Protein backbone atom coordinates (compact mmCIF):
# COMPACT_ATOMS: atom_id res chain seq x y z
CA MET A 1 113.41 88.40 96.58
CA ILE A 2 112.50 91.27 99.02
CA LYS A 3 109.13 93.52 98.00
CA LEU A 4 106.96 96.27 98.95
CA ILE A 5 103.13 95.30 98.90
CA GLU A 6 100.27 97.69 98.98
CA ILE A 7 97.02 96.19 99.84
CA SER A 8 94.42 98.62 98.64
CA GLY A 9 90.52 99.06 97.38
CA ASP A 10 90.07 101.27 95.00
CA SER A 11 87.31 103.22 97.03
CA CYS A 12 90.00 104.59 99.82
CA ALA A 13 90.87 107.92 99.44
CA SER A 14 94.12 107.31 102.10
CA CYS A 15 95.52 104.55 99.72
CA HIS A 16 95.32 106.74 96.63
CA ALA A 17 97.02 109.71 98.28
CA LEU A 18 99.94 106.76 99.70
CA LEU A 19 100.68 105.73 96.27
CA PRO A 20 103.11 108.35 94.91
CA GLY A 21 105.28 108.39 98.60
CA LEU A 22 105.13 104.67 98.09
CA ASN A 23 106.38 104.31 94.48
CA ALA A 24 109.06 107.14 95.64
CA VAL A 25 110.39 104.92 98.34
CA ALA A 26 110.48 101.75 96.95
CA LYS A 27 112.36 103.05 93.99
CA GLU A 28 115.14 105.12 96.02
CA ASN A 29 115.41 101.48 98.06
CA GLY A 30 115.26 99.50 94.74
CA ILE A 31 112.35 97.25 95.72
CA PRO A 32 109.88 96.44 93.06
CA LEU A 33 105.95 97.47 94.37
CA GLU A 34 103.39 94.66 94.25
CA ARG A 35 99.92 96.56 94.32
CA ILE A 36 96.73 94.21 95.62
CA ASP A 37 93.13 95.61 95.56
CA ILE A 38 91.36 93.75 98.14
CA GLU A 39 88.20 94.62 95.92
CA THR A 40 89.66 91.65 93.39
CA SER A 41 91.85 89.51 95.68
CA PRO A 42 89.81 89.36 99.17
CA GLU A 43 92.04 86.03 99.99
CA SER A 44 94.45 88.93 100.44
CA ILE A 45 92.98 90.22 103.83
CA GLU A 46 93.37 86.65 105.50
CA LYS A 47 96.60 85.85 103.80
CA TYR A 48 98.57 89.18 105.18
CA GLY A 49 96.43 89.40 108.56
CA VAL A 50 95.04 93.32 107.21
CA GLU A 51 92.99 94.69 109.69
CA ARG A 52 92.55 97.89 107.49
CA ILE A 53 93.42 99.41 104.74
CA PRO A 54 96.23 100.60 103.26
CA THR A 55 98.47 98.22 104.71
CA ILE A 56 101.73 98.22 103.42
CA VAL A 57 104.12 94.80 103.64
CA LEU A 58 107.46 94.17 103.24
CA ALA A 59 108.14 90.89 102.14
CA ASP A 60 111.11 88.52 101.54
CA GLY A 61 109.04 86.13 98.92
CA GLU A 62 106.30 85.09 101.02
CA LYS A 63 107.34 85.51 104.48
CA ILE A 64 106.54 88.64 106.18
CA ILE A 65 109.08 91.10 106.90
CA ALA A 66 107.30 93.81 108.46
CA LYS A 67 104.13 95.63 108.18
CA CYS A 68 102.05 98.76 108.49
CA SER A 69 98.74 100.18 108.30
CA GLY A 70 96.69 103.76 107.37
CA PHE A 71 98.49 106.85 105.87
CA GLN A 72 102.10 107.61 106.20
CA PRO A 73 103.86 110.38 104.46
CA GLU A 74 107.00 109.42 102.34
CA GLU A 75 109.73 110.30 104.71
CA ILE A 76 107.92 107.93 107.57
CA LEU A 77 107.81 105.15 104.89
CA SER A 78 111.24 105.45 103.99
CA LEU A 79 112.69 105.55 107.45
CA TRP A 80 110.29 102.75 108.34
CA VAL A 81 111.73 100.66 105.05
CA GLU A 82 115.05 101.68 105.62
CA ALA A 83 114.97 100.36 109.76
CA LYS A 84 113.00 96.91 109.10
CA LEU A 85 115.58 96.28 106.03
CA GLU A 86 118.56 96.77 108.21
CA GLU A 87 117.11 94.94 110.89
CA TYR A 88 115.94 91.97 108.69
CA SER A 89 119.97 91.71 107.54
CA LYS A 90 120.92 91.25 110.81
CA ASN A 91 119.13 87.83 111.60
């Protein structure tokens, strides 16, 4: 099952700013959104190769399809998700 994963920290302002747009993108694409806090799940840093937060992962089960880091406006996130889903469906 394809899902979006937001890896963030509770004290990260960019992470909080990203969330409304990410929620909207997940909803418009019919994809569940999972949130992981690195402070309570530090193992996620290694598991997903997180170099900075926020990190957004598009995954199919445990397989990482794509990931990006840093704050992105909703419009950019939407284009990114759509492009990565299209690319993934061709493989």
